[in-house]
Protein backbone atom coordinates (compact mmCIF):
# COMPACT_ATOMS: atom_id res chain seq x y z
CA MET A 1 12.79 -23.21 47.28
CA ARG A 2 15.32 -25.24 49.34
CA VAL A 3 13.60 -24.17 52.35
CA ALA A 4 9.91 -24.99 50.91
CA GLN A 5 10.93 -28.35 49.57
CA CYS A 6 12.15 -29.12 53.48
CA LEU A 7 8.70 -28.17 55.02
CA ALA A 8 6.96 -30.09 52.10
CA PHE A 9 9.43 -33.05 53.41
CA VAL A 10 8.15 -32.50 56.78
CA ALA A 11 4.73 -31.99 56.42
CA ILE A 12 5.10 -35.74 54.20
CA GLY A 13 6.53 -36.88 57.69
CA ALA A 14 4.02 -35.59 59.80
CA GLY A 15 1.44 -37.95 57.66
CA LEU A 16 3.41 -40.86 57.99
CA MET A 17 4.04 -40.57 61.54
CA TRP A 18 0.05 -39.54 61.91
CA PHE A 19 -0.57 -42.58 59.95
CA TYR A 20 1.66 -45.09 61.82
CA ASP A 21 0.12 -44.36 65.54
CA PHE A 22 -3.26 -44.33 63.84
CA ALA A 23 -2.37 -48.02 62.80
CA HIS A 24 -0.58 -48.59 65.93
CA GLY A 25 -3.61 -47.23 68.07
CA MET A 26 -6.04 -49.46 65.86
CA SER A 27 -3.96 -52.39 66.94
CA GLY A 28 -3.59 -51.54 70.35
CA GLY A 29 -7.36 -50.75 71.18
CA GLN A 30 -6.90 -47.57 70.89
CA THR A 31 -9.87 -47.14 68.11
CA HIS A 32 -11.70 -44.15 70.35
CA ASN A 33 -9.01 -41.75 70.47
CA SER A 34 -8.52 -42.31 66.65
CA LYS A 35 -10.72 -39.38 65.74
CA GLU A 36 -9.04 -37.32 68.31
CA GLN A 37 -5.69 -37.61 66.80
CA LEU A 38 -6.80 -37.32 63.77
CA ALA A 39 -7.44 -34.11 64.27
CA ALA A 40 -4.91 -33.23 65.61
CA TYR A 41 -2.51 -34.28 63.47
CA GLU A 42 -4.98 -32.47 60.43
CA GLY A 43 -4.60 -29.68 62.49
CA GLN A 44 -0.46 -29.79 63.11
CA ILE A 45 -0.20 -30.49 58.86
CA GLY A 46 -2.65 -27.21 57.71
CA LYS A 47 -0.20 -25.48 60.23
CA LEU A 48 2.78 -26.86 58.62
CA THR A 49 1.27 -26.24 54.96
CA ALA A 50 0.03 -22.94 55.84
CA GLU A 51 3.69 -22.06 56.67
CA ARG A 52 5.07 -23.84 53.72
CA ASP A 53 3.07 -21.68 51.93
CA ARG A 54 4.18 -18.61 53.23
CA PHE A 55 7.97 -19.27 52.62
CA ASN A 56 7.67 -20.20 49.49
CA SER A 57 6.07 -17.09 49.02
CA THR A 58 8.97 -15.36 50.58
CA VAL A 59 10.91 -17.16 48.29
CA ASN A 60 9.01 -16.26 45.11
CA ALA A 61 9.12 -12.38 46.17
CA ALA A 62 13.15 -12.68 46.72
CA GLU A 63 14.04 -14.61 43.41
CA SER A 64 11.71 -11.67 41.97
CA GLN A 65 13.57 -8.82 43.76
CA LEU A 66 16.98 -10.65 42.63
CA ASN A 67 15.84 -11.17 39.00
CA MET A 68 14.90 -7.62 38.91
CA GLU A 69 18.22 -6.51 40.37
CA ARG A 70 20.25 -8.74 37.62
CA ALA A 71 17.95 -7.17 34.94
CA ALA A 72 19.06 -3.85 36.08
CA GLN A 73 22.56 -4.94 36.53
CA ARG A 74 22.31 -5.63 32.72
CA GLN A 75 20.95 -2.39 31.69
CA LEU A 76 23.63 -0.16 33.39
CA ALA A 77 26.33 -2.24 31.86
CA ALA A 78 24.52 -1.73 28.36
CA GLN A 79 24.28 2.22 29.29
CA VAL A 80 27.98 1.94 30.32
CA LYS A 81 28.83 0.35 27.00
CA GLN A 82 26.95 2.71 25.02
CA LEU A 83 28.19 5.60 26.76
CA GLU A 84 32.02 4.37 26.46
CA ALA A 85 31.24 4.06 22.74
CA ASP A 86 29.75 7.93 22.66
CA ASN A 87 32.68 9.29 24.47
CA MET A 88 35.09 7.48 21.67
CA ARG A 89 33.48 9.16 18.75
CA LEU A 90 33.32 11.98 20.70
CA LYS A 91 36.92 12.47 21.05
CA GLU A 92 37.48 11.03 17.62
CA ASP A 93 35.43 14.12 16.12
CA LEU A 94 37.60 16.60 18.69
CA ALA A 95 40.61 15.30 16.91
CA PHE A 96 38.95 15.64 13.80
CA PHE A 97 38.30 18.82 13.73
CA GLU A 98 41.61 19.79 15.33
CA SER A 99 42.98 18.31 12.78
CA LEU A 100 41.23 20.49 10.52
CA LEU A 101 42.29 23.70 11.54
CA PRO A 102 45.83 23.85 9.95
CA ASN A 103 43.99 22.72 6.90
CA ALA A 104 41.31 25.64 6.36
CA ALA A 105 43.12 27.56 4.14
CA GLY A 106 45.16 24.39 2.13
CA ALA A 107 44.35 23.16 -1.00
CA GLN A 108 40.60 21.98 -1.76
CA GLY A 109 40.42 17.98 -1.86
CA ILE A 110 38.76 14.64 -0.47
CA ALA A 111 40.21 12.62 2.12
CA ILE A 112 39.20 9.56 4.06
CA ARG A 113 39.95 10.03 7.84
CA ARG A 114 40.48 7.29 9.72
CA LEU A 115 38.90 4.03 8.44
CA LYS A 116 37.97 0.84 11.42
CA ILE A 117 36.75 -1.79 10.83
CA ASP A 118 35.66 -4.28 13.57
CA PRO A 119 33.84 -7.71 13.69
CA VAL A 120 30.76 -7.85 15.60
CA ALA A 121 29.57 -11.04 15.05
CA PRO A 122 29.94 -14.16 12.44
CA ASN A 123 29.75 -12.77 8.59
CA GLN A 124 29.02 -9.53 10.12
CA LEU A 125 32.07 -6.32 10.00
CA ARG A 126 31.20 -2.79 11.09
CA TYR A 127 33.23 -0.15 9.37
CA ARG A 128 33.64 4.06 10.39
CA LEU A 129 35.47 6.29 8.56
CA LEU A 130 35.46 10.17 8.30
CA ILE A 131 35.48 11.94 5.54
CA MET A 132 36.39 15.52 4.80
CA GLN A 133 36.86 18.29 2.18
CA GLY A 134 39.73 20.31 2.72
CA GLY A 135 40.32 24.14 2.08
CA LYS A 136 37.67 26.76 2.62
CA GLY A 137 34.98 24.02 2.04
CA ASP A 138 32.58 26.71 0.15
CA GLN A 139 30.97 24.19 -1.83
CA ASP A 140 28.61 20.97 -0.91
CA PHE A 141 30.46 17.78 -1.76
CA LYS A 142 28.05 15.42 -3.02
CA GLY A 143 28.87 11.62 -4.07
CA ASN A 144 29.20 8.27 -2.74
CA LEU A 145 30.87 5.78 -1.04
CA GLN A 146 31.90 2.69 -2.33
CA LEU A 147 33.63 -0.60 -0.04
CA THR A 148 35.23 -3.59 -1.40
CA VAL A 149 36.23 -6.58 1.17
CA THR A 150 38.80 -8.45 0.41
CA ALA A 151 38.26 -11.91 1.67
CA TRP A 152 39.06 -15.38 1.70
CA GLN A 153 36.11 -18.03 0.65
CA GLY A 154 35.69 -21.10 -0.31
CA GLY A 155 39.31 -21.91 -0.32
CA LYS A 156 39.94 -18.88 -2.57
CA SER A 157 40.06 -15.19 -2.54
CA SER A 158 37.43 -12.84 -3.17
CA LEU A 159 36.54 -9.40 -3.77
CA ILE A 160 32.44 -8.37 -2.48
CA ASN A 161 32.21 -4.34 -2.74
CA PHE A 162 29.26 -2.84 -1.21
CA PRO A 163 26.52 -1.33 -1.92
CA ASP A 164 24.71 -4.03 -3.82
CA ALA A 165 22.46 -2.42 -6.93
CA THR A 166 19.80 -2.31 -4.81
CA ALA A 167 18.19 1.06 -4.17
CA VAL A 168 18.06 1.02 -0.45
CA GLU A 169 21.24 0.03 -0.28
CA GLN A 170 22.83 2.55 -3.20
CA GLU A 171 20.70 5.52 -0.85
CA LYS A 172 22.92 4.58 2.42
CA PHE A 173 26.67 4.93 0.64
CA LYS A 174 25.63 8.27 -0.26
CA LEU A 175 27.49 11.67 0.54
CA ASN A 176 26.53 15.10 0.72
CA PHE A 177 28.60 17.49 2.95
CA ARG A 178 30.24 20.66 3.20
CA HIS A 179 33.33 20.02 5.74
CA TYR A 180 32.88 16.37 6.58
CA GLN A 181 30.57 13.28 6.89
CA ARG A 182 30.81 10.71 9.26
CA VAL A 183 30.10 7.16 7.85
CA GLU A 184 29.09 3.94 10.04
CA GLY A 185 27.06 0.88 9.38
CA VAL A 186 27.47 -2.98 9.36
CA LEU A 187 27.93 -5.20 6.31
CA ARG A 188 26.87 -8.75 6.21
CA LEU A 189 28.96 -11.25 4.20
CA PRO A 190 28.29 -15.04 3.06
CA GLU A 191 28.42 -17.62 5.16
CA GLY A 192 32.06 -18.58 5.89
CA THR A 193 33.56 -15.10 4.50
CA SER A 194 36.99 -14.41 6.21
CA VAL A 195 37.74 -10.90 6.25
CA LYS A 196 41.38 -9.68 5.35
CA ALA A 197 41.04 -5.93 4.51
CA VAL A 198 38.90 -3.63 3.14
CA GLN A 199 39.13 -0.80 0.97
CA ALA A 200 36.88 2.78 0.65
CA ARG A 201 36.72 5.03 -2.20
CA VAL A 202 35.03 8.53 -2.04
CA LEU A 203 33.64 8.96 -5.92
CA ASP A 204 31.88 11.79 -7.52
CA LYS A 205 29.96 10.76 -10.47
CA GLY A 206 32.27 7.77 -11.06
CA GLN A 207 35.85 9.55 -10.41
CA LEU A 208 37.93 8.67 -7.61
CA LYS A 209 38.46 11.39 -5.42
CA ALA A 210 39.97 9.54 -2.03
CA GLN A 211 40.20 6.07 -1.01
CA GLN A 212 42.07 4.28 1.78
CA SER A 213 42.09 0.76 3.03
CA ALA A 214 42.37 -1.26 6.46
CA ASN A 215 43.09 -4.56 7.67
CA LEU A 216 41.89 -6.94 9.54
């Protein structure tokens, strides 16, 4: 764009020079050459204008290419971030399955493994946890998950329970698995909420089967 601006200034300067020479010629009695001078300057201005347009096209093409490269870099960075997250989940699954091996002949029971909470945006909290069934696991477990957020809100401590009473939210927290189930999602909190801790509870028909807490 700077090149185009410089060329535009050159074109304007050429026009001013022509006007000066033309006026000088008129005052000096050289009116018979005014048409030839006018045609010559118009030709020069036309060439400069064409050159400016050509440089404009080149600059615009370069800017477009640069924008495409930046967009590609952003997309690549997002893909790398997603791959890192997928790799982390795979490592967690591997560790989980390794932890299952010595428990295969152990007592039956539901347990929560690796409850993790992370702020992802203002008033938004991501949660992740693995829920397992010990022993042989010859029957499916069907229950539901509850999350209780301990927070500082409006100058005092408060408890916020998830899911709420809506059917859509209740469905998101249902559990149904034989050996394990990974549960993850994002909690949307009221404005101005400062989270202190989160407690996860696994219930079967209202009966507590497992619980675990994580501090922020």
